[in-house]
Amino acid sequence: MEQFSTSDFVGTQLTAPGPVAVCFLATWCPFCRDFLPTFAAAEPGGRFRLAVADISEESNSLWETFGIEIVPTIVAFEDGRPFWRKDGIGGYGLDERDLAALRSAFEKGPTQRARRAAGE
C-alpha cells in the first residue's frame, strides 16, 4: 500500500496518476487503527490502488484542504481529481460496507461518474 504526505497533493489534487483510494488517518485514532487492516486487505483487483495519508498532526494542512473533521476518511481520486468520499462516523469509524461503496464508485467508470455529476 502506498503512503502519501502533504507533498503528494497540490490543493485538492493528488499528484499520483491513475485511480487511487486514499485513507486519511491518524495514529492516535482507535477507529483508524481498527479500520486500517480492513482497508489494507480490500484487494481492489487492479481497478484502483490503495494508499494512506497519515494526518496525525493537527498542523497537517490536509485536514483543512480536504475539510476533514473525522478520521478515518476515504477519498477516491482518478487522475488526480477527487470524485468520491466517505467520512468516518463519530464513535464508529468506517467498515466493510464503506469499502463496498468505494468499489462500486470505481466500477462505474469515469464517464458514468461525469454524467451523474452533471445531473444527466
N, C-alpha and C. Protein backbone atom coordinates (compact mmCIF):
# COMPACT_ATOMS: atom_id res chain seq x y z
N MET A 1 0.85 -1.16 0.00
CA MET A 1 0.00 0.00 0.00
C MET A 1 0.90 1.24 0.00
N GLU A 2 0.52 2.20 -0.82
CA GLU A 2 1.29 3.43 -0.92
C GLU A 2 1.02 4.33 0.29
N GLN A 3 1.98 5.20 0.58
CA GLN A 3 1.81 6.18 1.64
C GLN A 3 2.04 7.56 1.06
N PHE A 4 1.09 8.46 1.30
CA PHE A 4 1.19 9.82 0.78
C PHE A 4 1.35 10.80 1.93
N SER A 5 1.96 11.94 1.61
CA SER A 5 2.11 13.03 2.57
C SER A 5 1.61 14.31 1.90
N THR A 6 1.71 15.41 2.59
CA THR A 6 1.23 16.68 2.03
C THR A 6 1.91 17.00 0.71
N SER A 7 3.14 16.56 0.52
CA SER A 7 3.87 16.86 -0.72
C SER A 7 3.29 16.12 -1.93
N ASP A 8 2.41 15.16 -1.71
CA ASP A 8 1.79 14.42 -2.81
C ASP A 8 0.50 15.08 -3.30
N PHE A 9 0.16 16.22 -2.71
CA PHE A 9 -1.06 16.93 -3.08
C PHE A 9 -0.74 18.37 -3.46
N VAL A 10 -1.46 18.87 -4.45
CA VAL A 10 -1.43 20.29 -4.79
C VAL A 10 -2.87 20.75 -4.68
N GLY A 11 -3.17 21.46 -3.59
CA GLY A 11 -4.57 21.76 -3.28
C GLY A 11 -5.28 20.44 -3.05
N THR A 12 -6.44 20.27 -3.69
CA THR A 12 -7.18 19.01 -3.54
C THR A 12 -6.81 18.00 -4.61
N GLN A 13 -5.81 18.31 -5.42
CA GLN A 13 -5.37 17.39 -6.47
C GLN A 13 -4.26 16.50 -5.96
N LEU A 14 -4.34 15.22 -6.29
CA LEU A 14 -3.31 14.24 -5.95
C LEU A 14 -2.33 14.18 -7.11
N THR A 15 -1.04 14.22 -6.82
CA THR A 15 -0.05 14.21 -7.90
C THR A 15 0.17 12.82 -8.49
N ALA A 16 -0.28 11.79 -7.82
CA ALA A 16 -0.12 10.42 -8.34
C ALA A 16 -1.14 10.18 -9.46
N PRO A 17 -0.73 9.52 -10.53
CA PRO A 17 -1.65 9.27 -11.65
C PRO A 17 -2.58 8.08 -11.38
N GLY A 18 -3.61 7.98 -12.20
CA GLY A 18 -4.49 6.82 -12.18
C GLY A 18 -5.48 6.83 -11.04
N PRO A 19 -6.23 5.75 -10.91
CA PRO A 19 -7.24 5.64 -9.85
C PRO A 19 -6.62 5.21 -8.53
N VAL A 20 -6.86 6.02 -7.48
CA VAL A 20 -6.28 5.77 -6.16
C VAL A 20 -7.32 6.07 -5.09
N ALA A 21 -7.44 5.20 -4.11
CA ALA A 21 -8.27 5.44 -2.94
C ALA A 21 -7.33 5.75 -1.77
N VAL A 22 -7.49 6.93 -1.19
CA VAL A 22 -6.62 7.36 -0.09
C VAL A 22 -7.42 7.38 1.21
N CYS A 23 -6.90 6.67 2.20
CA CYS A 23 -7.50 6.67 3.54
C CYS A 23 -6.71 7.66 4.39
N PHE A 24 -7.36 8.77 4.76
CA PHE A 24 -6.75 9.74 5.65
C PHE A 24 -6.97 9.24 7.07
N LEU A 25 -5.89 9.11 7.84
CA LEU A 25 -5.99 8.55 9.18
C LEU A 25 -5.02 9.22 10.13
N ALA A 26 -5.19 8.92 11.41
CA ALA A 26 -4.30 9.44 12.45
C ALA A 26 -3.93 8.28 13.37
N THR A 27 -2.67 8.23 13.74
CA THR A 27 -2.19 7.12 14.57
C THR A 27 -2.83 7.12 15.95
N TRP A 28 -3.28 8.26 16.44
CA TRP A 28 -3.89 8.34 17.77
C TRP A 28 -5.35 7.91 17.76
N CYS A 29 -5.92 7.66 16.60
CA CYS A 29 -7.34 7.33 16.46
C CYS A 29 -7.56 5.81 16.55
N PRO A 30 -8.30 5.34 17.57
CA PRO A 30 -8.52 3.89 17.67
C PRO A 30 -9.36 3.34 16.51
N PHE A 31 -10.25 4.14 15.96
CA PHE A 31 -11.08 3.68 14.84
C PHE A 31 -10.24 3.54 13.57
N CYS A 32 -9.23 4.39 13.42
CA CYS A 32 -8.29 4.27 12.29
C CYS A 32 -7.47 2.99 12.43
N ARG A 33 -6.99 2.74 13.65
CA ARG A 33 -6.20 1.52 13.88
C ARG A 33 -7.03 0.27 13.62
N ASP A 34 -8.31 0.30 13.99
CA ASP A 34 -9.19 -0.84 13.73
C ASP A 34 -9.49 -1.01 12.25
N PHE A 35 -9.65 0.09 11.53
CA PHE A 35 -10.06 0.04 10.13
C PHE A 35 -8.89 -0.23 9.18
N LEU A 36 -7.70 0.18 9.53
CA LEU A 36 -6.56 0.06 8.61
C LEU A 36 -6.34 -1.36 8.09
N PRO A 37 -6.37 -2.42 8.90
CA PRO A 37 -6.20 -3.77 8.34
C PRO A 37 -7.30 -4.14 7.34
N THR A 38 -8.52 -3.69 7.59
CA THR A 38 -9.64 -3.95 6.66
C THR A 38 -9.40 -3.22 5.35
N PHE A 39 -8.98 -1.97 5.44
CA PHE A 39 -8.69 -1.18 4.24
C PHE A 39 -7.53 -1.80 3.46
N ALA A 40 -6.47 -2.19 4.16
CA ALA A 40 -5.29 -2.76 3.50
C ALA A 40 -5.62 -4.08 2.80
N ALA A 41 -6.58 -4.82 3.32
CA ALA A 41 -6.95 -6.11 2.74
C ALA A 41 -8.06 -6.00 1.70
N ALA A 42 -8.43 -4.79 1.32
CA ALA A 42 -9.58 -4.58 0.42
C ALA A 42 -9.39 -5.19 -0.96
N GLU A 43 -8.17 -5.45 -1.38
CA GLU A 43 -7.89 -6.09 -2.67
C GLU A 43 -8.72 -5.50 -3.81
N PRO A 44 -8.33 -4.34 -4.30
CA PRO A 44 -9.10 -3.69 -5.36
C PRO A 44 -9.07 -4.42 -6.70
N GLY A 45 -8.25 -5.42 -6.84
CA GLY A 45 -8.25 -6.22 -8.07
C GLY A 45 -7.82 -5.48 -9.32
N GLY A 46 -6.92 -4.53 -9.19
CA GLY A 46 -6.39 -3.84 -10.35
C GLY A 46 -7.22 -2.65 -10.80
N ARG A 47 -8.41 -2.47 -10.26
CA ARG A 47 -9.25 -1.34 -10.68
C ARG A 47 -8.72 -0.03 -10.12
N PHE A 48 -8.08 -0.08 -8.97
CA PHE A 48 -7.53 1.11 -8.35
C PHE A 48 -6.48 0.69 -7.33
N ARG A 49 -5.69 1.66 -6.88
CA ARG A 49 -4.66 1.40 -5.89
C ARG A 49 -5.12 1.93 -4.54
N LEU A 50 -4.56 1.38 -3.48
CA LEU A 50 -4.85 1.84 -2.13
C LEU A 50 -3.66 2.62 -1.59
N ALA A 51 -3.97 3.66 -0.81
CA ALA A 51 -2.92 4.46 -0.19
C ALA A 51 -3.44 5.02 1.13
N VAL A 52 -2.51 5.39 1.99
CA VAL A 52 -2.87 6.05 3.24
C VAL A 52 -2.14 7.39 3.31
N ALA A 53 -2.77 8.32 4.01
CA ALA A 53 -2.15 9.61 4.30
C ALA A 53 -2.29 9.83 5.80
N ASP A 54 -1.18 9.80 6.49
CA ASP A 54 -1.17 9.97 7.94
C ASP A 54 -1.25 11.47 8.25
N ILE A 55 -2.37 11.87 8.86
CA ILE A 55 -2.56 13.28 9.20
C ILE A 55 -2.66 13.42 10.73
N SER A 56 -1.84 12.67 11.43
CA SER A 56 -1.87 12.63 12.89
C SER A 56 -1.65 14.01 13.53
N GLU A 57 -0.80 14.80 12.94
CA GLU A 57 -0.51 16.12 13.50
C GLU A 57 -1.63 17.10 13.16
N GLU A 58 -2.10 17.82 14.17
CA GLU A 58 -3.15 18.82 13.95
C GLU A 58 -2.72 19.89 12.96
N SER A 59 -1.43 20.13 12.86
CA SER A 59 -0.92 21.16 11.96
C SER A 59 -0.85 20.70 10.50
N ASN A 60 -1.14 19.44 10.24
CA ASN A 60 -1.09 18.94 8.86
C ASN A 60 -2.15 19.67 8.03
N SER A 61 -1.72 20.30 6.95
CA SER A 61 -2.61 21.12 6.13
C SER A 61 -3.70 20.32 5.42
N LEU A 62 -3.56 18.99 5.32
CA LEU A 62 -4.57 18.18 4.63
C LEU A 62 -5.90 18.16 5.40
N TRP A 63 -5.88 18.39 6.72
CA TRP A 63 -7.13 18.49 7.47
C TRP A 63 -8.01 19.58 6.86
N GLU A 64 -7.41 20.75 6.67
CA GLU A 64 -8.16 21.89 6.14
C GLU A 64 -8.40 21.76 4.64
N THR A 65 -7.40 21.35 3.90
CA THR A 65 -7.52 21.24 2.45
C THR A 65 -8.72 20.38 2.06
N PHE A 66 -8.90 19.26 2.75
CA PHE A 66 -9.99 18.34 2.42
C PHE A 66 -11.19 18.47 3.37
N GLY A 67 -11.14 19.45 4.27
CA GLY A 67 -12.26 19.64 5.18
C GLY A 67 -12.53 18.41 6.04
N ILE A 68 -11.48 17.75 6.45
CA ILE A 68 -11.63 16.53 7.24
C ILE A 68 -11.93 16.90 8.69
N GLU A 69 -13.04 16.41 9.17
CA GLU A 69 -13.43 16.66 10.55
C GLU A 69 -13.35 15.40 11.41
N ILE A 70 -13.28 14.26 10.74
CA ILE A 70 -13.22 12.98 11.46
C ILE A 70 -12.38 12.00 10.65
N VAL A 71 -11.63 11.18 11.35
CA VAL A 71 -10.85 10.14 10.69
C VAL A 71 -11.33 8.79 11.21
N PRO A 72 -11.23 7.74 10.41
CA PRO A 72 -10.73 7.74 9.05
C PRO A 72 -11.73 8.34 8.06
N THR A 73 -11.18 8.89 7.00
CA THR A 73 -11.95 9.39 5.86
C THR A 73 -11.28 8.85 4.61
N ILE A 74 -12.08 8.35 3.68
CA ILE A 74 -11.54 7.85 2.41
C ILE A 74 -11.94 8.82 1.30
N VAL A 75 -10.97 9.17 0.46
CA VAL A 75 -11.24 9.99 -0.72
C VAL A 75 -10.70 9.21 -1.92
N ALA A 76 -11.54 9.05 -2.94
CA ALA A 76 -11.14 8.36 -4.17
C ALA A 76 -10.76 9.40 -5.22
N PHE A 77 -9.66 9.15 -5.89
CA PHE A 77 -9.13 10.05 -6.91
C PHE A 77 -9.01 9.31 -8.23
N GLU A 78 -9.25 10.02 -9.31
CA GLU A 78 -8.97 9.49 -10.64
C GLU A 78 -8.20 10.56 -11.38
N ASP A 79 -7.00 10.20 -11.82
CA ASP A 79 -6.10 11.14 -12.49
C ASP A 79 -5.95 12.42 -11.69
N GLY A 80 -5.81 12.26 -10.38
CA GLY A 80 -5.53 13.38 -9.50
C GLY A 80 -6.74 14.11 -8.95
N ARG A 81 -7.90 13.90 -9.53
CA ARG A 81 -9.10 14.62 -9.09
C ARG A 81 -9.96 13.77 -8.16
N PRO A 82 -10.40 14.35 -7.04
CA PRO A 82 -11.29 13.59 -6.16
C PRO A 82 -12.67 13.44 -6.80
N PHE A 83 -13.28 12.25 -6.67
CA PHE A 83 -14.61 12.05 -7.23
C PHE A 83 -15.57 11.35 -6.28
N TRP A 84 -15.06 10.85 -5.17
CA TRP A 84 -15.90 10.14 -4.20
C TRP A 84 -15.27 10.29 -2.82
N ARG A 85 -16.12 10.31 -1.80
CA ARG A 85 -15.60 10.50 -0.44
C ARG A 85 -16.54 9.82 0.55
N LYS A 86 -15.94 9.27 1.60
CA LYS A 86 -16.71 8.71 2.71
C LYS A 86 -16.01 9.10 4.00
N ASP A 87 -16.70 9.88 4.81
CA ASP A 87 -16.18 10.29 6.11
C ASP A 87 -16.56 9.24 7.14
N GLY A 88 -15.66 9.03 8.10
CA GLY A 88 -15.96 8.13 9.19
C GLY A 88 -17.11 8.66 10.03
N ILE A 89 -17.70 7.79 10.79
CA ILE A 89 -18.79 8.14 11.69
C ILE A 89 -18.22 8.25 13.10
N GLY A 90 -18.53 9.35 13.78
CA GLY A 90 -18.05 9.57 15.14
C GLY A 90 -18.39 8.39 16.05
N GLY A 91 -17.41 7.91 16.79
CA GLY A 91 -17.62 6.80 17.70
C GLY A 91 -17.71 5.45 17.02
N TYR A 92 -17.49 5.41 15.69
CA TYR A 92 -17.60 4.15 14.95
C TYR A 92 -16.50 4.00 13.90
N GLY A 93 -16.26 5.00 13.09
CA GLY A 93 -15.26 4.91 12.03
C GLY A 93 -15.87 4.49 10.71
N LEU A 94 -15.22 3.56 10.02
CA LEU A 94 -15.65 3.02 8.74
C LEU A 94 -15.63 1.50 8.82
N ASP A 95 -16.29 0.84 7.85
CA ASP A 95 -16.28 -0.62 7.85
C ASP A 95 -16.34 -1.17 6.43
N GLU A 96 -16.53 -2.47 6.31
CA GLU A 96 -16.54 -3.16 5.02
C GLU A 96 -17.62 -2.61 4.09
N ARG A 97 -18.74 -2.16 4.62
CA ARG A 97 -19.80 -1.59 3.76
C ARG A 97 -19.30 -0.35 3.03
N ASP A 98 -18.47 0.41 3.71
CA ASP A 98 -17.90 1.61 3.08
C ASP A 98 -16.93 1.22 1.96
N LEU A 99 -16.21 0.13 2.16
CA LEU A 99 -15.32 -0.35 1.11
C LEU A 99 -16.11 -0.87 -0.09
N ALA A 100 -17.26 -1.49 0.16
CA ALA A 100 -18.12 -1.94 -0.93
C ALA A 100 -18.61 -0.74 -1.74
N ALA A 101 -18.95 0.35 -1.06
CA ALA A 101 -19.38 1.57 -1.75
C ALA A 101 -18.23 2.15 -2.56
N LEU A 102 -17.02 2.07 -2.02
CA LEU A 102 -15.83 2.54 -2.74
C LEU A 102 -15.62 1.73 -4.02
N ARG A 103 -15.68 0.41 -3.91
CA ARG A 103 -15.53 -0.45 -5.08
C ARG A 103 -16.57 -0.11 -6.14
N SER A 104 -17.80 0.09 -5.71
CA SER A 104 -18.89 0.42 -6.62
C SER A 104 -18.62 1.75 -7.34
N ALA A 105 -18.09 2.73 -6.62
CA ALA A 105 -17.78 4.03 -7.23
C ALA A 105 -16.73 3.87 -8.33
N PHE A 106 -15.72 3.05 -8.10
CA PHE A 106 -14.70 2.84 -9.12
C PHE A 106 -15.24 2.02 -10.29
N GLU A 107 -16.15 1.10 -10.04
CA GLU A 107 -16.70 0.26 -11.12
C GLU A 107 -17.55 1.06 -12.09
N LYS A 108 -18.12 2.17 -11.66
CA LYS A 108 -18.99 2.96 -12.52
C LYS A 108 -18.24 3.59 -13.67
N GLY A 109 -16.96 3.79 -13.52
CA GLY A 109 -16.15 4.34 -14.59
C GLY A 109 -16.28 5.85 -14.67
N PRO A 110 -15.26 6.51 -15.25
CA PRO A 110 -15.24 7.98 -15.27
C PRO A 110 -16.36 8.60 -16.08
N THR A 111 -16.78 8.00 -17.18
CA THR A 111 -17.83 8.59 -18.00
C THR A 111 -19.16 8.61 -17.25
N GLN A 112 -19.52 7.51 -16.64
CA GLN A 112 -20.77 7.44 -15.90
C GLN A 112 -20.75 8.39 -14.70
N ARG A 113 -19.60 8.49 -14.02
CA ARG A 113 -19.50 9.41 -12.90
C ARG A 113 -19.65 10.84 -13.35
N ALA A 114 -19.03 11.20 -14.48
CA ALA A 114 -19.12 12.55 -15.01
C ALA A 114 -20.55 12.91 -15.39
N ARG A 115 -21.27 11.96 -15.98
CA ARG A 115 -22.68 12.20 -16.33
C ARG A 115 -23.52 12.43 -15.09
N ARG A 116 -23.29 11.62 -14.07
CA ARG A 116 -24.07 11.76 -12.84
C ARG A 116 -23.77 13.10 -12.17
N ALA A 117 -22.51 13.51 -12.18
CA ALA A 117 -22.12 14.79 -11.57
C ALA A 117 -22.75 15.97 -12.33
N ALA A 118 -22.94 15.80 -13.62
CA ALA A 118 -23.54 16.86 -14.45
C ALA A 118 -25.05 16.85 -14.36
N GLY A 119 -25.62 15.88 -13.66
CA GLY A 119 -27.07 15.82 -13.49
C GLY A 119 -27.80 15.15 -14.63
N GLU A 120 -27.09 14.39 -15.43
CA GLU A 120 -27.74 13.69 -16.56
C GLU A 120 -28.36 12.39 -16.10
